[in-house]
Structures are given as structure tokens and as C-alpha cells.
Amino acid sequence: MSRRFLVPLAAGALALGLACTASAQSVASDSAFMEHALADGMAEVQMGQLALEKSSDAQVKQLAQRIVTDHKKADRELRKLAVRKQVRLPATPTAEAQQKVASMRQMDGAAFDRAWAAAMVRDHTKAIDMFTTESQQAKDADVRKFAEATTPTLRTHLEMAQKLDGGSATSDAGMNH
């Protein structure tokens, strides 16, 4: 082949390679979102179940049940989406989330309720940020739709948790969890 044909061929190959890399990165980003969303969702279910066991406050129990129900539903939808997209998802929440549940398990009474409500405010604030970003930046239309559809539920959980928390989560924001 002459040089005249090699330069455009090389340029085309380079462009194709860059496009494939960009596509792989967006898939990786959407996959990472799905992995984080499921791990966080499973953690919220655990935290909700813990509140159902430990709290005697009717409002805490009401929010906890709603969180368990809503997050289990979202987790099922996300698992179905992951199967279609061939994304492998975690089987359990992160070690950090499991440690938080273990720590919360040691608390009782009003101290538990306050710490749980504050944790729900922090967790749902982070989740809303993550889901909002994904709904704006996801490359995969189905992942974007999932993020968009789930965000209002997360906002409702946050609003309910803020009412329970009474603002103490803001002062505890630096607390490790």
C-alpha cells in the first residue's frame, strides 16, 4: 500500500480506537453506578430492618418500613437491568456499610433513633447526588431512566428523614460512619 492510503487508514483506526475507549469508559461508569447503587440499596434495606427491630418510635418505624419496601423494589429493578446489560453486581453491601449497621446495633432508645435518622439523611443526600448525576450523565438510556425514576423516591425518604432528624444530621455530618 502506498503512504497516501496508509495515513487515512491509520487516522480512521485511531478514531475508532478512541471511540471504543470512550464507549468502554461510559459503560464502566454506568456499571460502577449500578454496582454502587445496589450496594447502597442493600445497605439501606439492612438499616431499615434494623430500625424496625430496635426502634419503638412509630415515625422511625414508618420510615424504616418505607425504606425497606422501596429499596427492595428498586434493587429488584436494578438487578433485572444488570442482567440485561451483563453487569455483575455485588451480593452484599460494602464492608463500611456493614460496619455501620454493626455499630448502630449497639445503640438503643432515643440515641438509636437520632443516630439512625441522621444516617438516613446523610445516606439519602449522597444517594440523591449520585442518582442525579447519573440521570444527567449516563450513556446508557436504560440506566439513565432507572436513575431518573428512582430519584423522587430517594427525595421522599430524605424529606421524611429530615423531619425525624430535626437538623441534627447537619451537626453530625463530620461523624465517621
Protein backbone atom coordinates (compact mmCIF):
# COMPACT_ATOMS: atom_id res chain seq x y z
CA MET A 1 0.00 0.00 0.00
CA SER A 2 1.17 3.50 -0.67
CA ARG A 3 1.62 6.12 2.02
CA ARG A 4 -1.27 8.06 0.56
CA PHE A 5 -3.68 5.29 1.70
CA LEU A 6 -1.97 4.45 5.00
CA VAL A 7 -2.39 7.88 6.62
CA PRO A 8 -6.20 7.99 6.28
CA LEU A 9 -6.39 4.33 7.28
CA ALA A 10 -4.29 4.97 10.39
CA ALA A 11 -6.33 8.04 11.26
CA GLY A 12 -9.55 6.05 10.91
CA ALA A 13 -8.20 3.24 13.08
CA LEU A 14 -7.14 5.76 15.74
CA ALA A 15 -10.57 7.42 15.70
CA LEU A 16 -12.27 4.03 16.00
CA GLY A 17 -9.97 3.08 18.88
CA LEU A 18 -10.74 6.32 20.72
CA ALA A 19 -14.47 5.86 20.17
CA CYS A 20 -14.29 2.33 21.55
CA THR A 21 -12.32 3.54 24.58
CA ALA A 22 -14.85 6.31 25.25
CA SER A 23 -17.69 3.83 24.90
CA ALA A 24 -15.99 1.38 27.26
CA GLN A 25 -15.44 4.16 29.81
CA SER A 26 -19.11 5.18 29.74
CA VAL A 27 -20.16 1.56 30.12
CA ALA A 28 -17.71 1.23 33.01
CA SER A 29 -19.13 4.40 34.57
CA ASP A 30 -22.72 3.19 34.19
CA SER A 31 -21.66 -0.22 35.52
CA ALA A 32 -19.94 1.41 38.50
CA PHE A 33 -23.11 3.38 39.20
CA MET A 34 -25.17 0.19 39.12
CA GLU A 35 -22.73 -1.55 41.48
CA HIS A 36 -22.74 1.36 43.95
CA ALA A 37 -26.50 1.81 43.73
CA LEU A 38 -27.17 -1.84 44.55
CA ALA A 39 -24.63 -1.99 47.39
CA ASP A 40 -26.12 1.19 48.85
CA GLY A 41 -29.67 -0.07 48.33
CA MET A 42 -28.92 -3.31 50.16
CA ALA A 43 -27.35 -1.28 52.98
CA GLU A 44 -30.50 0.85 53.25
CA VAL A 45 -32.61 -2.30 53.50
CA GLN A 46 -30.39 -3.55 56.33
CA MET A 47 -30.58 -0.19 58.11
CA GLY A 48 -34.36 -0.14 57.69
CA GLN A 49 -34.72 -3.67 59.04
CA LEU A 50 -32.52 -2.73 61.99
CA ALA A 51 -34.76 0.25 62.79
CA LEU A 52 -37.82 -1.99 62.57
CA GLU A 53 -36.22 -4.30 65.15
CA LYS A 54 -34.78 -1.71 67.53
CA SER A 55 -36.92 1.41 67.45
CA SER A 56 -40.07 1.97 69.44
CA ASP A 57 -40.78 5.30 67.70
CA ALA A 58 -43.74 4.97 65.33
CA GLN A 59 -42.38 7.56 62.88
CA VAL A 60 -38.98 5.85 62.72
CA LYS A 61 -40.69 2.52 62.10
CA GLN A 62 -42.90 4.06 59.39
CA LEU A 63 -39.90 5.47 57.52
CA ALA A 64 -37.92 2.28 58.07
CA GLN A 65 -40.69 0.17 56.53
CA ARG A 66 -40.99 2.53 53.59
CA ILE A 67 -37.22 2.41 53.03
CA VAL A 68 -37.19 -1.39 53.16
CA THR A 69 -40.11 -1.69 50.74
CA ASP A 70 -38.91 0.97 48.29
CA HIS A 71 -35.26 -0.09 48.26
CA LYS A 72 -36.12 -3.77 47.80
CA LYS A 73 -38.26 -2.79 44.80
CA ALA A 74 -35.50 -0.60 43.32
CA ASP A 75 -32.92 -3.33 43.97
CA ARG A 76 -35.06 -5.87 42.06
CA GLU A 77 -35.39 -3.47 39.12
CA LEU A 78 -31.66 -2.78 39.16
CA ARG A 79 -30.82 -6.50 39.20
CA LYS A 80 -33.05 -7.06 36.16
CA LEU A 81 -31.37 -4.16 34.38
CA ALA A 82 -27.93 -5.52 35.26
CA VAL A 83 -28.80 -8.93 33.80
CA ARG A 84 -29.89 -7.27 30.53
CA LYS A 85 -26.71 -5.17 30.45
CA GLN A 86 -24.49 -8.07 31.54
CA VAL A 87 -23.21 -6.19 34.59
CA ARG A 88 -22.13 -8.21 37.58
CA LEU A 89 -23.46 -6.72 40.80
CA PRO A 90 -22.30 -7.18 44.40
CA ALA A 91 -24.06 -9.74 46.59
CA THR A 92 -23.75 -7.72 49.79
CA PRO A 93 -23.44 -4.12 50.97
CA THR A 94 -19.95 -2.68 51.33
CA ALA A 95 -17.85 -3.56 54.37
CA GLU A 96 -18.20 0.06 55.52
CA ALA A 97 -22.00 -0.17 55.38
CA GLN A 98 -21.98 -3.47 57.27
CA GLN A 99 -19.74 -1.89 59.91
CA LYS A 100 -22.22 0.99 60.25
CA VAL A 101 -25.07 -1.48 60.82
CA ALA A 102 -23.00 -3.31 63.45
CA SER A 103 -22.23 -0.03 65.19
CA MET A 104 -25.88 1.05 65.13
CA ARG A 105 -26.88 -2.35 66.53
CA GLN A 106 -25.07 -1.39 69.76
CA MET A 107 -27.34 1.64 70.31
CA ASP A 108 -30.74 1.73 71.97
CA GLY A 109 -33.69 4.02 72.54
CA ALA A 110 -33.65 7.68 71.60
CA ALA A 111 -29.90 7.59 70.88
CA PHE A 112 -30.52 4.89 68.26
CA ASP A 113 -33.43 6.82 66.72
CA ARG A 114 -31.37 10.04 66.47
CA ALA A 115 -28.33 8.28 65.01
CA TRP A 116 -30.47 6.31 62.57
CA ALA A 117 -32.35 9.40 61.35
CA ALA A 118 -29.07 11.29 60.92
CA ALA A 119 -27.60 8.35 58.97
CA MET A 120 -30.66 8.27 56.71
CA VAL A 121 -30.27 11.99 55.99
CA ARG A 122 -26.58 11.58 55.13
CA ASP A 123 -27.09 8.39 53.10
CA HIS A 124 -30.03 9.73 51.10
CA THR A 125 -28.30 13.06 50.44
CA LYS A 126 -25.36 11.14 48.94
CA ALA A 127 -27.70 8.84 47.01
CA ILE A 128 -29.63 11.76 45.51
CA ASP A 129 -26.36 13.34 44.38
CA MET A 130 -25.22 10.08 42.78
CA PHE A 131 -28.58 9.35 41.10
CA THR A 132 -28.96 12.95 39.87
CA THR A 133 -25.50 12.86 38.31
CA GLU A 134 -26.22 9.51 36.67
CA SER A 135 -29.58 10.70 35.35
CA GLN A 136 -27.74 13.56 33.63
CA GLN A 137 -24.57 11.77 32.51
CA ALA A 138 -25.40 8.10 31.92
CA LYS A 139 -24.54 6.90 28.44
CA ASP A 140 -26.98 4.02 28.61
CA ALA A 141 -30.59 5.17 28.21
CA ASP A 142 -31.98 2.39 30.43
CA VAL A 143 -29.55 3.22 33.25
CA ARG A 144 -30.43 6.91 32.90
CA LYS A 145 -34.16 6.08 33.09
CA PHE A 146 -33.61 3.96 36.20
CA ALA A 147 -31.72 6.81 37.90
CA GLU A 148 -34.38 9.34 36.89
CA ALA A 149 -37.24 7.12 38.07
CA THR A 150 -35.62 6.34 41.43
CA THR A 151 -34.58 9.86 42.42
CA PRO A 152 -38.06 11.07 43.53
CA THR A 153 -38.36 8.13 45.94
CA LEU A 154 -34.95 8.96 47.40
CA ARG A 155 -36.04 12.59 47.82
CA THR A 156 -39.16 11.46 49.70
CA HIS A 157 -37.02 9.31 52.02
CA LEU A 158 -34.70 12.27 52.61
CA GLU A 159 -37.58 14.63 53.43
CA MET A 160 -39.06 12.11 55.87
CA ALA A 161 -35.66 11.52 57.49
CA GLN A 162 -35.05 15.26 57.81
CA LYS A 163 -38.33 15.63 59.70
CA LEU A 164 -37.26 12.87 62.10
CA ASP A 165 -33.74 14.21 62.39
CA GLY A 166 -34.70 17.76 63.22
CA GLY A 167 -31.43 19.05 61.79
CA SER A 168 -29.01 17.10 63.98
CA ALA A 169 -27.51 15.32 60.96
CA THR A 170 -26.01 18.61 59.87
CA SER A 171 -24.09 18.87 63.12
CA ASP A 172 -23.09 15.20 62.91
CA ALA A 173 -22.02 15.42 59.27
CA GLY A 174 -18.35 15.01 60.14
CA MET A 175 -19.06 11.85 62.12
CA ASN A 176 -17.49 8.72 60.64
CA HIS A 177 -19.94 6.07 59.55
